[in-house]
Amino acid sequence: MANTQSMCTSFLGELMTATHNFGASPTRAGSTADTFKAALYLASATVNASTTAYSSTGEVTGTNYTAGGVSITNATAPASTNSSVTAGVGYWTPSANIVYTTVTLSTAFDTVLVYNSTQSNKAVSVHTFGSQTITAGTFTLTMPSNTTSTALLRLSTT
C-alpha cells in the first residue's frame, strides 16, 4: 500500500461532537485550543483516510527527529464564509510553516500526518509530497495561504 492524501474520515465525524478545538474562540466550554502535531511517514507506510490516530508504525526515524513529530503553531482560528445562500466554506491553515530542524532522515519519506495530541492523538489529515531524504538539514513544509481555496483544511457545502 501507499500513503494517500485525505482528510481522515474519523475526523469528519469528530467535528460533529466538538472533539477538536482549532482556535481560541469560539471554544468548547471552558477549554483552550488543542495542541496539534505533525509526524512524518516513510514512503513505504500506509497512512490514509482510514487512519484514526497517530501511530509510530511507519513513522520516520533519524537524528534529531522525535517520534510524534513537531507541534504545529496554531495562532490562526478557523474561518468560514458563504459564497451564496446555499454554499459556504470553513477553512484553517497553521499560522507558521512546519519545520523539522537539523534532521537526518535517510529512508525515503513522503507524508505528514496532522493529529490532535490533546485529544488522544486523533488523526486530522494526511498530506503527501514528493519522496524526500535529508542529511543534517532543515526540512520545511511551507503552509498555504489561509483562504477558502488554498487553506490546508477546507470543508465546503454546495
C-alpha atoms as a PDB file:
ATOM      1  CA  MET A   1       0.000   0.000   0.000  1.00  0.00           C
ATOM      2  CA  ALA A   2       0.957   3.613  -0.274  1.00  0.00           C
ATOM      3  CA  ASN A   3       0.209   6.811   1.578  1.00  0.00           C
ATOM      4  CA  THR A   4      -2.817   8.695   0.284  1.00  0.00           C
ATOM      5  CA  GLN A   5      -3.646  12.351   0.879  1.00  0.00           C
ATOM      6  CA  SER A   6      -7.020  12.890   2.529  1.00  0.00           C
ATOM      7  CA  MET A   7      -8.893  14.380   5.416  1.00  0.00           C
ATOM      8  CA  CYS A   8      -9.293  11.487   7.873  1.00  0.00           C
ATOM      9  CA  THR A   9     -12.784  10.008   7.876  1.00  0.00           C
ATOM     10  CA  SER A  10     -12.879   9.765  11.681  1.00  0.00           C
ATOM     11  CA  PHE A  11     -12.059  13.495  11.875  1.00  0.00           C
ATOM     12  CA  LEU A  12     -15.196  14.372   9.898  1.00  0.00           C
ATOM     13  CA  GLY A  13     -17.416  12.665  12.455  1.00  0.00           C
ATOM     14  CA  GLU A  14     -15.448  14.101  15.363  1.00  0.00           C
ATOM     15  CA  LEU A  15     -16.182  17.606  14.100  1.00  0.00           C
ATOM     16  CA  MET A  16     -19.845  16.959  14.865  1.00  0.00           C
ATOM     17  CA  THR A  17     -19.045  16.157  18.505  1.00  0.00           C
ATOM     18  CA  ALA A  18     -16.711  19.160  19.012  1.00  0.00           C
ATOM     19  CA  THR A  19     -13.775  16.838  19.657  1.00  0.00           C
ATOM     20  CA  HIS A  20     -11.258  19.173  18.006  1.00  0.00           C
ATOM     21  CA  ASN A  21     -10.663  22.784  19.018  1.00  0.00           C
ATOM     22  CA  PHE A  22      -8.521  24.633  16.465  1.00  0.00           C
ATOM     23  CA  GLY A  23      -8.897  28.111  17.877  1.00  0.00           C
ATOM     24  CA  ALA A  24      -9.154  30.221  20.960  1.00  0.00           C
ATOM     25  CA  SER A  25     -12.641  31.463  20.080  1.00  0.00           C
ATOM     26  CA  PRO A  26     -15.192  30.033  19.929  1.00  0.00           C
ATOM     27  CA  THR A  27     -14.220  27.074  22.050  1.00  0.00           C
ATOM     28  CA  ARG A  28     -15.730  24.141  23.827  1.00  0.00           C
ATOM     29  CA  ALA A  29     -16.990  25.347  27.178  1.00  0.00           C
ATOM     30  CA  GLY A  30     -14.083  26.201  29.454  1.00  0.00           C
ATOM     31  CA  SER A  31     -11.368  24.908  27.141  1.00  0.00           C
ATOM     32  CA  THR A  32      -8.402  26.314  25.303  1.00  0.00           C
ATOM     33  CA  ALA A  33      -7.205  25.476  21.809  1.00  0.00           C
ATOM     34  CA  ASP A  34      -5.942  21.921  21.396  1.00  0.00           C
ATOM     35  CA  THR A  35      -2.333  21.079  20.518  1.00  0.00           C
ATOM     36  CA  PHE A  36      -1.846  19.709  17.023  1.00  0.00           C
ATOM     37  CA  LYS A  37       1.268  17.897  15.823  1.00  0.00           C
ATOM     38  CA  ALA A  38       2.767  16.795  12.525  1.00  0.00           C
ATOM     39  CA  ALA A  39       4.517  13.427  12.163  1.00  0.00           C
ATOM     40  CA  LEU A  40       6.448  12.320   9.073  1.00  0.00           C
ATOM     41  CA  TYR A  41       5.931   8.882   7.496  1.00  0.00           C
ATOM     42  CA  LEU A  42       8.015   6.668   5.270  1.00  0.00           C
ATOM     43  CA  ALA A  43       7.111   6.307   1.607  1.00  0.00           C
ATOM     44  CA  SER A  44       6.556   2.608   2.348  1.00  0.00           C
ATOM     45  CA  ALA A  45       3.958   3.303   5.088  1.00  0.00           C
ATOM     46  CA  THR A  46       0.187   3.171   4.752  1.00  0.00           C
ATOM     47  CA  VAL A  47      -1.378   6.367   6.074  1.00  0.00           C
ATOM     48  CA  ASN A  48      -4.692   7.475   4.531  1.00  0.00           C
ATOM     49  CA  ALA A  49      -8.333   8.453   5.140  1.00  0.00           C
ATOM     50  CA  SER A  50      -8.870   5.402   7.353  1.00  0.00           C
ATOM     51  CA  THR A  51      -6.114   6.486   9.782  1.00  0.00           C
ATOM     52  CA  THR A  52      -7.848   7.279  13.083  1.00  0.00           C
ATOM     53  CA  ALA A  53      -4.910   8.204  15.333  1.00  0.00           C
ATOM     54  CA  TYR A  54      -1.186   8.858  15.372  1.00  0.00           C
ATOM     55  CA  SER A  55       0.900   5.684  15.443  1.00  0.00           C
ATOM     56  CA  SER A  56       4.657   5.233  15.296  1.00  0.00           C
ATOM     57  CA  THR A  57       4.193   2.390  12.791  1.00  0.00           C
ATOM     58  CA  GLY A  58       5.749   3.564   9.534  1.00  0.00           C
ATOM     59  CA  GLU A  59       6.959   6.840  11.062  1.00  0.00           C
ATOM     60  CA  VAL A  60      10.422   8.095  10.097  1.00  0.00           C
ATOM     61  CA  THR A  61      13.342   7.687  12.483  1.00  0.00           C
ATOM     62  CA  GLY A  62      16.623   9.531  12.411  1.00  0.00           C
ATOM     63  CA  THR A  63      18.961  12.008  14.031  1.00  0.00           C
ATOM     64  CA  ASN A  64      17.128  14.880  15.787  1.00  0.00           C
ATOM     65  CA  TYR A  65      13.684  13.582  14.796  1.00  0.00           C
ATOM     66  CA  THR A  66      11.449  12.891  17.783  1.00  0.00           C
ATOM     67  CA  ALA A  67       8.738  10.248  17.491  1.00  0.00           C
ATOM     68  CA  GLY A  68       5.411  12.036  17.216  1.00  0.00           C
ATOM     69  CA  GLY A  69       6.862  14.846  15.127  1.00  0.00           C
ATOM     70  CA  VAL A  70       6.661  18.527  15.954  1.00  0.00           C
ATOM     71  CA  SER A  71       3.997  20.804  17.384  1.00  0.00           C
ATOM     72  CA  ILE A  72       2.101  22.933  14.885  1.00  0.00           C
ATOM     73  CA  THR A  73       1.922  26.675  15.507  1.00  0.00           C
ATOM     74  CA  ASN A  74      -1.801  27.318  15.766  1.00  0.00           C
ATOM     75  CA  ALA A  75      -2.402  31.040  16.236  1.00  0.00           C
ATOM     76  CA  THR A  76      -4.936  31.302  13.409  1.00  0.00           C
ATOM     77  CA  ALA A  77      -8.521  30.484  14.316  1.00  0.00           C
ATOM     78  CA  PRO A  78     -10.624  28.666  11.726  1.00  0.00           C
ATOM     79  CA  ALA A  79     -12.669  30.905   9.454  1.00  0.00           C
ATOM     80  CA  SER A  80     -15.749  30.497   7.311  1.00  0.00           C
ATOM     81  CA  THR A  81     -17.606  32.332   4.606  1.00  0.00           C
ATOM     82  CA  ASN A  82     -20.712  31.933   2.491  1.00  0.00           C
ATOM     83  CA  SER A  83     -20.332  32.277  -1.262  1.00  0.00           C
ATOM     84  CA  SER A  84     -24.114  32.113  -1.732  1.00  0.00           C
ATOM     85  CA  VAL A  85     -27.244  31.373   0.292  1.00  0.00           C
ATOM     86  CA  THR A  86     -26.635  27.622  -0.189  1.00  0.00           C
ATOM     87  CA  ALA A  87     -22.834  27.306  -0.268  1.00  0.00           C
ATOM     88  CA  GLY A  88     -20.097  28.010   2.234  1.00  0.00           C
ATOM     89  CA  VAL A  89     -16.541  27.082   3.161  1.00  0.00           C
ATOM     90  CA  GLY A  90     -14.894  26.545   6.535  1.00  0.00           C
ATOM     91  CA  TYR A  91     -11.098  26.628   6.441  1.00  0.00           C
ATOM     92  CA  TRP A  92      -7.907  26.565   8.541  1.00  0.00           C
ATOM     93  CA  THR A  93      -4.153  26.709   7.986  1.00  0.00           C
ATOM     94  CA  PRO A  94      -1.431  26.629  10.660  1.00  0.00           C
ATOM     95  CA  SER A  95      -0.067  30.095  11.351  1.00  0.00           C
ATOM     96  CA  ALA A  96       3.538  29.053  10.605  1.00  0.00           C
ATOM     97  CA  ASN A  97       5.378  26.568   8.422  1.00  0.00           C
ATOM     98  CA  ILE A  98       6.019  23.112   9.874  1.00  0.00           C
ATOM     99  CA  VAL A  99       9.775  22.793  10.446  1.00  0.00           C
ATOM    100  CA  TYR A 100      11.985  19.838  11.394  1.00  0.00           C
ATOM    101  CA  THR A 101      15.388  21.310  12.325  1.00  0.00           C
ATOM    102  CA  THR A 102      18.789  19.712  11.666  1.00  0.00           C
ATOM    103  CA  VAL A 103      17.445  16.236  10.969  1.00  0.00           C
ATOM    104  CA  THR A 104      18.943  13.276   9.170  1.00  0.00           C
ATOM    105  CA  LEU A 105      16.239  11.079   7.657  1.00  0.00           C
ATOM    106  CA  SER A 106      17.970   8.663   5.304  1.00  0.00           C
ATOM    107  CA  THR A 107      14.968   6.445   4.439  1.00  0.00           C
ATOM    108  CA  ALA A 108      12.585   7.936   1.862  1.00  0.00           C
ATOM    109  CA  PHE A 109       9.538   9.696   3.333  1.00  0.00           C
ATOM    110  CA  ASP A 110       6.613  11.382   1.566  1.00  0.00           C
ATOM    111  CA  THR A 111       3.819  12.044   4.054  1.00  0.00           C
ATOM    112  CA  VAL A 112       2.872  14.125   7.063  1.00  0.00           C
ATOM    113  CA  LEU A 113       0.030  13.243   9.428  1.00  0.00           C
ATOM    114  CA  VAL A 114      -1.618  16.144  11.240  1.00  0.00           C
ATOM    115  CA  TYR A 115      -3.116  14.958  14.520  1.00  0.00           C
ATOM    116  CA  ASN A 116      -4.582  16.291  17.758  1.00  0.00           C
ATOM    117  CA  SER A 117      -2.279  15.378  20.650  1.00  0.00           C
ATOM    118  CA  THR A 118      -4.672  16.915  23.193  1.00  0.00           C
ATOM    119  CA  GLN A 119      -7.462  14.538  22.169  1.00  0.00           C
ATOM    120  CA  SER A 120      -5.836  11.088  22.391  1.00  0.00           C
ATOM    121  CA  ASN A 121      -3.716  11.671  19.262  1.00  0.00           C
ATOM    122  CA  LYS A 122      -6.770  11.618  16.988  1.00  0.00           C
ATOM    123  CA  ALA A 123      -5.916  11.914  13.289  1.00  0.00           C
ATOM    124  CA  VAL A 124      -6.971  15.021  11.353  1.00  0.00           C
ATOM    125  CA  SER A 125      -5.479  14.799   7.868  1.00  0.00           C
ATOM    126  CA  VAL A 126      -2.823  13.168   5.716  1.00  0.00           C
ATOM    127  CA  HIS A 127      -0.755  15.242   3.277  1.00  0.00           C
ATOM    128  CA  THR A 128       1.601  13.759   0.702  1.00  0.00           C
ATOM    129  CA  PHE A 129       4.508  15.304  -1.186  1.00  0.00           C
ATOM    130  CA  GLY A 130       7.374  14.068  -3.343  1.00  0.00           C
ATOM    131  CA  SER A 131       9.644  11.440  -1.789  1.00  0.00           C
ATOM    132  CA  GLN A 132      12.458  13.008   0.270  1.00  0.00           C
ATOM    133  CA  THR A 133      15.588  12.166   2.217  1.00  0.00           C
ATOM    134  CA  ILE A 134      17.612  14.685   4.177  1.00  0.00           C
ATOM    135  CA  THR A 135      21.058  14.714   5.775  1.00  0.00           C
ATOM    136  CA  ALA A 136      21.816  17.156   8.600  1.00  0.00           C
ATOM    137  CA  GLY A 137      19.413  19.713   7.229  1.00  0.00           C
ATOM    138  CA  THR A 138      16.193  21.523   7.969  1.00  0.00           C
ATOM    139  CA  PHE A 139      13.042  20.148   6.361  1.00  0.00           C
ATOM    140  CA  THR A 140      10.257  22.726   5.992  1.00  0.00           C
ATOM    141  CA  LEU A 141       6.667  22.168   4.930  1.00  0.00           C
ATOM    142  CA  THR A 142       5.513  25.554   3.648  1.00  0.00           C
ATOM    143  CA  MET A 143       1.921  26.226   4.617  1.00  0.00           C
ATOM    144  CA  PRO A 144      -0.540  27.574   2.043  1.00  0.00           C
ATOM    145  CA  SER A 145      -2.417  30.842   2.430  1.00  0.00           C
ATOM    146  CA  ASN A 146      -5.379  30.688   4.788  1.00  0.00           C
ATOM    147  CA  THR A 147      -8.067  31.276   2.160  1.00  0.00           C
ATOM    148  CA  THR A 148     -11.205  29.474   1.036  1.00  0.00           C
ATOM    149  CA  SER A 149      -9.425  27.933  -1.954  1.00  0.00           C
ATOM    150  CA  THR A 150      -5.937  27.197  -0.597  1.00  0.00           C
ATOM    151  CA  ALA A 151      -6.137  26.540   3.180  1.00  0.00           C
ATOM    152  CA  LEU A 152      -4.632  23.298   4.478  1.00  0.00           C
ATOM    153  CA  LEU A 153      -8.070  22.097   5.675  1.00  0.00           C
ATOM    154  CA  ARG A 154     -11.224  23.069   3.797  1.00  0.00           C
ATOM    155  CA  LEU A 155     -14.821  21.909   4.302  1.00  0.00           C
ATOM    156  CA  SER A 156     -17.377  23.119   1.820  1.00  0.00           C
ATOM    157  CA  THR A 157     -21.058  22.884   1.029  1.00  0.00           C
ATOM    158  CA  THR A 158     -22.590  23.289  -2.395  1.00  0.00           C
END
